Amino acid sequence: MKKITKIKTFLSKQVCDIKLYGIKELLRKFFIFTKVITRTLIDVIAVLPCIIIRLLSPWIIIRIARAPSTNYGNFARDLALYCCKKKLKIDQPKKKYIDLFYILPRDNIHNRQLARMWKRKLIFFSGYLLDPINRVGKFIPGWKLHTIGLFPSKYELDVDNLIAKYQALHFTAEEEIYGKKMLNKFGLKDNDKFICLVVRDSKYQLKKISARYHDWSYHDYRNYDIDHFVLAAEELTKRGYFVFRMGVVANKPMKSDNPKIIDYVNTKLRSDFMDVYLGAKCTFCISTGLGFDEVPYIFRRPIALLSVPLGDLRSYSEKFLLLSRLHILEKEKRKLSLSEIFSHGVGFAYDTKIFKQKGIKLLDYTPEQIKDFAIEMAENLENEKKLNPEEEELQKIFKNLFSYNVQRLEYLKEIKKPPYKFHGQIRSRYSMKFLKENRDWLK
């Protein structure tokens, strides 16, 4: 009886909607109905190839995965990690196998050049063909054997530092020639050094999905003002670098008359190809923590990373220099130490509201402080700087404190996510200048 009542209620609602909104609503509902029927028929047809795949499994295992193309960073990093594991024979089937990938037609690919490069490297088929097989296959026992365990979570990172052991992507000879020609158009000569500057603001997310349909304010804590990075860029040009301010769109231009500071995001020469080429060829990248910086990472370029939350800092590569924002407890008007950031429940805070609820303000660094961070990165690379005993001790204290706090799973439970492995061995350095000037932070 309950089912009959629900059906009657459902049908009554459809009739009321059509009466209220007219012919457009009728056509919309007819389209949805047709789509559901079509999908059901396709799924029924997909049962046959699923059975064939199962029957072939004693001789060859066919695995299928949908590529994470809708997220810029995951599209770069996750497929690179897959290639590393395959090359290094980590977590691979013992039998002969074929791996097939697909991108759904409705997926919004955020970088077409990355898609082209992955399609040269991996076997891709139409999403119309593989998606029904992948979906239906999960209703048949033994489906895990035929799924590529690529993406357990967007929060899992390269904790085993696999990308340092194998570079998955390469440019063709033609792409290398074209990339150099484009650099020449920006005023660079063949041996000129350049840096990618990636500063997050709200514009890119709003380009993906309008604020009318999605509230992006939970990401506000990640945003920075590009004006605060101009001084750092100016100083880097004095050291012989060109600086490319990266991005697809931006809230405002980077204001500088310096010809070696290129507001690339606002040039007509910006393209998906050059996004990847610049990320792959830069001397190093300065990032505030967003999807693009996975591109220089998979091409094994050094990264100076200034981001929040503290617990999510990428600690697994010796090529990273880390810095997070100061956390101010507003009630007491004082900065929180490293351990206090975790004990106040914001070590893994991924929502602006959490910081507000906890009464914690994230303090912006001054242009001078950001300049110091950028120069520290440059000097580490230029001089292959070794740490003295005092500096070694400060880094050791940071690594021990950081490791202890990120392993306390109650903070991962607080953000209602399983305890994924965020960190392996802590290989990255924290800003040496910051640690020396903020020794009381190391508590």
Protein backbone atom coordinates (compact mmCIF):
# COMPACT_ATOMS: atom_id res chain seq x y z
CA MET A 1 0.00 0.00 0.00
CA LYS A 2 2.82 2.40 0.86
CA LYS A 3 4.38 1.88 -2.59
CA ILE A 4 1.04 2.54 -4.31
CA THR A 5 0.59 5.71 -2.23
CA LYS A 6 4.11 6.92 -3.16
CA ILE A 7 3.43 6.28 -6.85
CA LYS A 8 0.15 8.21 -6.69
CA THR A 9 1.87 11.09 -4.89
CA PHE A 10 4.65 11.12 -7.49
CA LEU A 11 2.24 11.12 -10.44
CA SER A 12 0.10 13.81 -8.80
CA LYS A 13 3.17 16.02 -8.39
CA GLN A 14 4.07 15.63 -12.08
CA VAL A 15 0.57 16.67 -13.15
CA CYS A 16 0.65 19.69 -10.83
CA ASP A 17 4.08 20.75 -12.15
CA ILE A 18 2.86 20.60 -15.74
CA LYS A 19 -0.28 22.61 -14.93
CA LEU A 20 1.79 25.19 -13.10
CA TYR A 21 4.72 25.60 -15.54
CA GLY A 22 3.10 24.61 -18.84
CA ILE A 23 4.48 23.04 -22.01
CA LYS A 24 8.16 23.67 -21.17
CA GLU A 25 7.83 21.58 -18.01
CA LEU A 26 6.07 18.82 -19.96
CA LEU A 27 8.88 18.73 -22.51
CA ARG A 28 11.51 18.75 -19.74
CA LYS A 29 9.87 15.80 -17.97
CA PHE A 30 9.49 13.93 -21.26
CA PHE A 31 13.20 14.44 -21.95
CA ILE A 32 14.14 13.11 -18.49
CA PHE A 33 11.81 10.12 -18.93
CA THR A 34 13.32 9.33 -22.35
CA LYS A 35 16.81 9.64 -20.90
CA VAL A 36 16.01 7.20 -18.06
CA ILE A 37 14.47 4.65 -20.45
CA THR A 38 17.44 4.93 -22.85
CA ARG A 39 19.95 4.51 -20.05
CA THR A 40 18.09 1.44 -18.75
CA LEU A 41 18.16 -0.17 -22.21
CA ILE A 42 21.87 0.59 -22.60
CA ASP A 43 22.57 -0.93 -19.18
CA VAL A 44 20.71 -4.11 -20.15
CA ILE A 45 22.82 -4.36 -23.34
CA ALA A 46 25.99 -3.75 -21.27
CA VAL A 47 25.38 -6.98 -19.34
CA LEU A 48 26.69 -9.00 -22.32
CA PRO A 49 30.18 -7.39 -22.53
CA CYS A 50 30.39 -7.61 -18.71
CA ILE A 51 29.83 -11.37 -18.92
CA ILE A 52 32.41 -11.68 -21.73
CA ILE A 53 34.96 -9.77 -19.63
CA ARG A 54 34.34 -12.18 -16.72
CA LEU A 55 34.71 -15.22 -18.99
CA LEU A 56 38.05 -13.92 -20.31
CA SER A 57 39.47 -13.28 -16.84
CA PRO A 58 41.25 -16.67 -16.48
CA TRP A 59 43.47 -15.62 -19.41
CA ILE A 60 43.43 -11.82 -19.42
CA ILE A 61 42.01 -9.30 -16.98
CA ILE A 62 40.28 -6.27 -18.48
CA ARG A 63 40.08 -3.32 -16.09
CA ILE A 64 38.14 -0.09 -16.65
CA ALA A 65 38.29 3.34 -15.00
CA ARG A 66 36.76 6.74 -15.59
CA ALA A 67 39.57 9.31 -15.74
CA PRO A 68 39.26 12.13 -13.16
CA SER A 69 39.09 14.77 -15.87
CA THR A 70 36.67 17.09 -14.07
CA ASN A 71 39.32 18.12 -11.53
CA TYR A 72 42.49 19.76 -12.87
CA GLY A 73 44.85 18.57 -10.14
CA ASN A 74 43.54 15.02 -9.98
CA PHE A 75 43.65 14.68 -13.77
CA ALA A 76 47.38 15.38 -13.62
CA ARG A 77 48.41 13.65 -10.38
CA ASP A 78 46.20 10.54 -10.22
CA LEU A 79 46.99 9.32 -13.72
CA ALA A 80 50.69 10.06 -13.12
CA LEU A 81 50.59 7.93 -9.96
CA TYR A 82 48.88 5.16 -11.91
CA CYS A 83 51.70 5.24 -14.47
CA CYS A 84 54.31 5.20 -11.69
CA LYS A 85 52.75 2.17 -10.06
CA LYS A 86 52.53 0.38 -13.38
CA LYS A 87 56.15 1.18 -14.25
CA LEU A 88 57.42 0.22 -10.78
CA LYS A 89 55.15 -2.86 -10.64
CA ILE A 90 53.33 -1.73 -7.50
CA ASP A 91 49.83 -3.14 -6.76
CA GLN A 92 49.50 -4.63 -10.25
CA PRO A 93 47.60 -7.82 -11.23
CA LYS A 94 49.74 -10.96 -11.38
CA LYS A 95 48.00 -12.09 -14.56
CA LYS A 96 48.19 -10.42 -17.95
CA TYR A 97 45.90 -7.41 -18.04
CA ILE A 98 44.64 -4.52 -20.18
CA ASP A 99 43.60 -1.20 -18.65
CA LEU A 100 41.02 0.94 -20.42
CA PHE A 101 40.13 4.52 -19.57
CA TYR A 102 37.32 6.82 -20.61
CA ILE A 103 36.09 10.38 -20.25
CA LEU A 104 32.37 11.02 -20.25
CA PRO A 105 31.08 13.43 -22.91
CA ARG A 106 29.50 15.57 -20.19
CA ASP A 107 32.78 15.85 -18.26
CA ASN A 108 34.26 19.32 -18.26
CA ILE A 109 37.92 18.77 -19.15
CA HIS A 110 39.83 21.66 -17.64
CA ASN A 111 42.95 21.22 -19.75
CA ARG A 112 42.79 19.77 -23.27
CA GLN A 113 46.57 19.49 -23.58
CA LEU A 114 46.74 17.18 -20.57
CA ALA A 115 43.96 15.09 -22.13
CA ARG A 116 45.92 14.81 -25.40
CA MET A 117 49.08 13.75 -23.57
CA TRP A 118 47.28 11.14 -21.48
CA LYS A 119 45.60 9.72 -24.57
CA ARG A 120 49.06 9.21 -26.08
CA LYS A 121 50.17 7.39 -22.96
CA LEU A 122 47.11 5.33 -22.00
CA ILE A 123 44.34 3.42 -23.79
CA PHE A 124 41.20 5.55 -23.98
CA PHE A 125 37.83 4.54 -25.43
CA SER A 126 34.54 6.37 -25.73
CA GLY A 127 32.67 7.01 -22.52
CA TYR A 128 29.46 6.01 -24.30
CA LEU A 129 30.92 2.51 -24.64
CA LEU A 130 32.83 2.00 -21.40
CA ASP A 131 30.72 3.85 -18.84
CA PRO A 132 27.72 1.47 -19.05
CA ILE A 133 30.07 -1.53 -18.81
CA ASN A 134 31.84 0.01 -15.82
CA ARG A 135 28.55 0.84 -14.09
CA VAL A 136 26.81 -2.47 -14.70
CA GLY A 137 29.95 -4.47 -13.93
CA LYS A 138 29.81 -3.26 -10.32
CA PHE A 139 26.56 -5.20 -9.81
CA ILE A 140 28.24 -8.47 -10.77
CA PRO A 141 30.29 -10.37 -8.15
CA GLY A 142 34.05 -10.02 -8.55
CA TRP A 143 33.81 -6.51 -10.00
CA LYS A 144 36.81 -5.18 -8.03
CA LEU A 145 39.14 -7.32 -10.12
CA HIS A 146 37.99 -5.40 -13.20
CA THR A 147 38.25 -1.91 -11.77
CA ILE A 148 41.43 0.16 -11.65
CA GLY A 149 41.89 1.27 -8.06
CA LEU A 150 43.08 4.67 -9.15
CA PHE A 151 41.38 7.21 -7.05
CA PRO A 152 40.51 6.05 -3.52
CA SER A 153 40.13 9.67 -2.49
CA LYS A 154 40.98 13.12 -3.73
CA TYR A 155 42.65 13.61 -0.36
CA GLU A 156 45.25 10.87 -0.86
CA LEU A 157 48.57 12.15 -2.12
CA ASP A 158 51.89 10.80 -3.36
CA VAL A 159 52.98 9.83 0.14
CA ASP A 160 55.44 7.25 -1.21
CA ASN A 161 57.10 9.87 -3.43
CA LEU A 162 56.64 7.71 -6.54
CA ILE A 163 56.68 10.59 -9.01
CA ALA A 164 60.31 11.29 -8.06
CA LYS A 165 61.11 7.83 -9.47
CA TYR A 166 59.31 8.06 -12.81
CA GLN A 167 58.10 10.88 -15.07
CA ALA A 168 54.99 9.74 -16.89
CA LEU A 169 54.44 12.50 -19.47
CA HIS A 170 56.68 13.91 -22.18
CA PHE A 171 56.22 16.41 -25.00
CA THR A 172 56.60 15.41 -28.63
CA ALA A 173 59.46 16.93 -30.66
CA GLU A 174 56.93 19.19 -32.41
CA GLU A 175 55.51 20.35 -29.09
CA GLU A 176 58.99 21.16 -27.78
CA ILE A 177 59.68 23.33 -30.83
CA TYR A 178 56.32 25.07 -30.54
CA GLY A 179 56.76 25.67 -26.81
CA LYS A 180 60.14 27.35 -27.33
CA LYS A 181 58.70 29.56 -30.07
CA MET A 182 55.95 30.66 -27.71
CA LEU A 183 58.50 31.47 -24.98
CA ASN A 184 60.34 33.61 -27.54
CA LYS A 185 57.10 35.52 -28.17
CA PHE A 186 56.98 36.35 -24.47
CA GLY A 187 60.50 37.78 -24.76
CA LEU A 188 62.49 34.82 -23.39
CA LYS A 189 65.65 33.46 -24.96
CA ASP A 190 66.35 29.74 -25.02
CA ASN A 191 68.35 29.63 -21.78
CA ASP A 192 66.33 32.12 -19.76
CA LYS A 193 64.99 30.95 -16.40
CA PHE A 194 61.38 31.51 -15.46
CA ILE A 195 59.05 30.90 -12.54
CA CYS A 196 55.34 30.07 -12.47
CA LEU A 197 53.43 32.10 -9.89
CA VAL A 198 50.04 30.57 -9.03
CA VAL A 199 47.89 32.67 -6.72
CA ARG A 200 44.39 31.47 -6.00
CA ASP A 201 41.35 33.76 -6.07
CA SER A 202 37.61 33.12 -6.46
CA LYS A 203 37.27 33.72 -10.22
CA TYR A 204 38.16 30.26 -11.55
CA GLN A 205 35.61 28.40 -9.41
CA LEU A 206 32.93 30.88 -10.44
CA LYS A 207 33.85 30.24 -14.06
CA LYS A 208 33.27 26.50 -13.54
CA ILE A 209 29.95 26.91 -11.73
CA SER A 210 28.17 30.21 -11.14
CA ALA A 211 27.51 31.36 -7.57
CA ARG A 212 23.83 31.14 -8.52
CA TYR A 213 24.15 27.34 -8.54
CA HIS A 214 26.93 26.75 -6.02
CA ASP A 215 28.10 28.52 -2.89
CA TRP A 216 31.89 28.77 -3.20
CA SER A 217 32.37 30.82 -0.05
CA TYR A 218 33.59 27.76 1.83
CA HIS A 219 36.80 28.11 -0.23
CA ASP A 220 37.41 31.75 0.73
CA TYR A 221 40.09 30.83 3.26
CA ARG A 222 42.27 29.65 0.35
CA ASN A 223 42.21 32.95 -1.56
CA TYR A 224 45.08 35.47 -1.70
CA ASP A 225 45.58 38.97 -3.08
CA ILE A 226 47.87 39.04 -6.13
CA ASP A 227 49.06 42.53 -5.12
CA HIS A 228 50.92 40.95 -2.19
CA PHE A 229 53.09 38.94 -4.60
CA VAL A 230 54.31 41.78 -6.83
CA LEU A 231 57.30 42.61 -4.60
CA ALA A 232 58.43 38.97 -4.66
CA ALA A 233 58.15 38.90 -8.45
CA GLU A 234 60.16 42.13 -8.76
CA GLU A 235 62.93 40.72 -6.57
CA LEU A 236 63.05 37.47 -8.56
CA THR A 237 63.50 39.38 -11.83
CA LYS A 238 66.57 41.08 -10.30
CA ARG A 239 68.00 37.60 -9.87
CA GLY A 240 67.55 36.85 -13.57
CA TYR A 241 64.16 35.15 -13.61
CA PHE A 242 61.09 35.84 -15.69
CA VAL A 243 57.86 35.46 -13.71
CA PHE A 244 54.64 34.12 -15.28
CA ARG A 245 51.49 34.85 -13.29
CA MET A 246 49.48 31.72 -14.16
CA GLY A 247 45.76 31.06 -14.38
CA VAL A 248 42.81 30.68 -16.71
CA VAL A 249 40.91 33.69 -15.34
CA ALA A 250 41.64 36.11 -12.49
CA ASN A 251 39.80 38.70 -10.41
CA LYS A 252 42.31 41.43 -11.23
CA PRO A 253 45.54 41.95 -13.18
CA MET A 254 49.02 41.79 -11.73
CA LYS A 255 50.15 45.42 -11.72
CA SER A 256 53.76 45.86 -12.80
CA ASP A 257 55.60 47.66 -15.58
CA ASN A 258 58.48 45.20 -15.34
CA PRO A 259 58.77 43.47 -18.76
CA LYS A 260 60.02 40.30 -17.07
CA ILE A 261 56.80 39.99 -15.05
CA ILE A 262 54.24 38.50 -17.41
CA ASP A 263 50.57 38.58 -16.43
CA TYR A 264 50.10 35.45 -18.52
CA VAL A 265 46.51 34.82 -17.39
CA ASN A 266 45.46 38.07 -19.09
CA THR A 267 47.42 37.67 -22.34
CA LYS A 268 46.06 36.52 -25.69
CA LEU A 269 48.85 33.92 -25.81
CA ARG A 270 47.40 31.95 -22.88
CA SER A 271 46.40 28.41 -23.92
CA ASP A 272 45.93 24.93 -22.47
CA PHE A 273 49.17 23.89 -24.15
CA MET A 274 51.20 26.73 -22.67
CA ASP A 275 49.68 26.13 -19.23
CA VAL A 276 51.20 22.65 -19.24
CA TYR A 277 54.42 23.64 -21.03
CA LEU A 278 55.18 26.46 -18.59
CA GLY A 279 54.41 24.24 -15.61
CA ALA A 280 56.66 21.51 -16.97
CA LYS A 281 59.62 23.73 -17.85
CA CYS A 282 59.69 26.32 -15.04
CA THR A 283 62.74 26.61 -12.80
CA PHE A 284 60.33 26.38 -9.91
CA CYS A 285 56.71 27.18 -9.05
CA ILE A 286 55.35 29.40 -6.28
CA SER A 287 51.84 28.22 -5.42
CA THR A 288 49.14 29.00 -2.89
CA GLY A 289 47.80 25.47 -3.26
CA LEU A 290 45.53 24.73 -6.24
CA GLY A 291 45.11 22.24 -9.06
CA PHE A 292 47.64 23.73 -11.47
CA ASP A 293 50.64 23.05 -9.23
CA GLU A 294 50.19 19.30 -9.80
CA VAL A 295 51.49 19.96 -13.35
CA PRO A 296 54.97 21.14 -12.28
CA TYR A 297 54.87 18.38 -9.67
CA ILE A 298 54.35 15.52 -12.14
CA PHE A 299 57.16 17.01 -14.25
CA ARG A 300 59.30 17.01 -11.09
CA ARG A 301 59.78 20.75 -10.79
CA PRO A 302 60.43 22.30 -7.34
CA ILE A 303 57.50 24.05 -5.63
CA ALA A 304 57.34 26.73 -2.94
CA LEU A 305 53.95 26.05 -1.38
CA LEU A 306 52.08 28.62 0.71
CA SER A 307 48.73 27.11 1.65
CA VAL A 308 46.10 26.17 4.23
CA PRO A 309 45.11 23.95 6.02
CA LEU A 310 48.36 23.17 7.77
CA GLY A 311 47.71 19.41 7.94
CA ASP A 312 47.26 19.23 4.17
CA LEU A 313 50.70 20.64 3.32
CA ARG A 314 52.47 18.36 0.87
CA SER A 315 55.33 17.02 2.93
CA TYR A 316 56.49 14.07 0.86
CA SER A 317 58.98 15.64 -1.58
CA GLU A 318 62.42 17.14 -0.99
CA LYS A 319 61.59 19.58 -3.80
CA PHE A 320 58.92 21.34 -1.72
CA LEU A 321 59.45 24.36 0.50
CA LEU A 322 56.46 24.81 2.81
CA LEU A 323 54.75 27.70 4.54
CA SER A 324 51.23 27.97 5.96
CA ARG A 325 49.41 31.06 7.18
CA LEU A 326 49.56 32.22 10.78
CA HIS A 327 46.46 31.34 12.78
CA ILE A 328 45.31 34.03 15.21
CA LEU A 329 43.00 33.16 18.12
CA GLU A 330 40.89 36.33 18.04
CA LYS A 331 39.55 36.12 21.61
CA GLU A 332 43.07 36.09 23.07
CA LYS A 333 44.72 38.12 20.29
CA ARG A 334 47.61 35.69 19.93
CA LYS A 335 49.00 33.34 17.30
CA LEU A 336 48.52 29.61 17.68
CA SER A 337 51.48 27.24 17.76
CA LEU A 338 51.74 24.31 15.37
CA SER A 339 50.21 21.86 17.87
CA GLU A 340 47.52 24.34 18.92
CA ILE A 341 46.35 24.65 15.32
CA PHE A 342 45.52 20.95 15.45
CA SER A 343 44.17 20.95 19.01
CA HIS A 344 41.76 23.77 18.07
CA GLY A 345 40.36 21.58 15.29
CA VAL A 346 41.58 23.50 12.23
CA GLY A 347 44.56 21.35 11.24
CA PHE A 348 42.35 19.76 8.59
CA ALA A 349 39.71 22.48 8.20
CA TYR A 350 38.44 22.63 4.61
CA ASP A 351 35.69 25.20 5.08
CA THR A 352 35.87 28.92 5.86
CA LYS A 353 33.02 28.46 8.34
CA ILE A 354 35.15 26.18 10.51
CA PHE A 355 37.75 28.88 11.07
CA LYS A 356 35.00 31.39 11.91
CA GLN A 357 33.24 28.99 14.27
CA LYS A 358 36.52 28.37 16.10
CA GLY A 359 37.21 32.09 16.37
CA ILE A 360 40.40 31.80 14.34
CA LYS A 361 41.60 34.36 11.83
CA LEU A 362 44.07 33.47 9.10
CA LEU A 363 46.67 36.20 8.89
CA ASP A 364 47.90 37.31 5.48
CA TYR A 365 51.65 37.62 5.03
CA THR A 366 53.01 41.00 4.04
CA PRO A 367 54.54 41.52 0.59
CA GLU A 368 57.94 41.63 2.31
CA GLN A 369 57.38 38.25 3.98
CA ILE A 370 56.20 36.68 0.72
CA LYS A 371 59.29 38.09 -0.98
CA ASP A 372 61.49 36.48 1.68
CA PHE A 373 59.77 33.13 1.12
CA ALA A 374 60.30 33.34 -2.65
CA ILE A 375 63.96 34.32 -2.27
CA GLU A 376 64.54 31.49 0.21
CA MET A 377 63.29 29.06 -2.41
CA ALA A 378 65.49 30.58 -5.12
CA GLU A 379 68.59 30.52 -2.90
CA ASN A 380 67.96 26.92 -1.84
CA LEU A 381 68.02 25.90 -5.50
CA GLU A 382 70.79 28.22 -6.73
CA ASN A 383 73.21 27.38 -3.95
CA GLU A 384 72.00 23.86 -3.16
CA LYS A 385 71.92 25.21 0.35
CA LYS A 386 72.85 22.85 3.16
CA LEU A 387 71.49 23.37 6.66
CA ASN A 388 73.76 24.11 9.59
CA PRO A 389 73.28 22.18 12.90
CA GLU A 390 70.93 24.81 14.35
CA GLU A 391 68.77 24.77 11.22
CA GLU A 392 68.79 20.97 11.13
CA GLU A 393 67.49 20.93 14.69
CA LEU A 394 64.66 23.37 13.88
CA GLN A 395 63.60 21.29 10.88
CA LYS A 396 63.73 18.14 12.99
CA ILE A 397 61.48 19.69 15.63
CA PHE A 398 59.02 20.78 12.91
CA LYS A 399 58.94 17.32 11.29
CA ASN A 400 58.43 15.52 14.59
CA LEU A 401 55.66 17.86 15.73
CA PHE A 402 53.97 17.86 12.35
CA SER A 403 54.13 14.07 12.01
CA TYR A 404 52.75 13.54 15.51
CA ASN A 405 49.80 15.86 14.97
CA VAL A 406 48.74 14.69 11.52
CA GLN A 407 48.59 11.11 12.77
CA ARG A 408 46.07 11.92 15.49
CA LEU A 409 43.02 10.59 13.72
CA GLU A 410 40.47 12.49 15.76
CA TYR A 411 41.17 15.52 13.58
CA LEU A 412 40.41 13.57 10.44
CA LYS A 413 37.19 12.33 12.02
CA GLU A 414 36.30 15.92 12.81
CA ILE A 415 36.06 16.72 9.10
CA LYS A 416 33.94 13.57 8.67
CA LYS A 417 36.34 11.78 6.36
CA PRO A 418 38.03 8.40 6.83
CA PRO A 419 41.65 8.53 8.03
CA TYR A 420 43.33 8.62 4.64
CA LYS A 421 47.09 8.62 4.55
CA PHE A 422 48.04 12.26 4.05
CA HIS A 423 51.74 11.91 4.79
CA GLY A 424 54.49 9.36 4.61
CA GLN A 425 58.06 10.29 5.47
CA ILE A 426 58.29 14.06 6.02
CA ARG A 427 60.82 15.03 3.35
CA SER A 428 59.89 18.67 2.69
CA ARG A 429 61.47 21.64 4.44
CA TYR A 430 59.43 24.26 6.20
CA SER A 431 60.53 27.85 5.58
CA MET A 432 63.80 28.25 7.47
CA LYS A 433 63.37 31.99 7.82
CA PHE A 434 59.92 31.54 9.34
CA LEU A 435 61.12 28.93 11.86
CA LYS A 436 64.01 31.12 13.00
CA GLU A 437 61.73 34.14 13.48
CA ASN A 438 58.86 32.16 15.06
CA ARG A 439 60.50 29.64 17.37
CA ASP A 440 57.52 29.78 19.72
CA TRP A 441 55.41 28.36 16.85
CA LEU A 442 57.27 25.05 17.26
CA LYS A 443 55.26 23.84 20.23
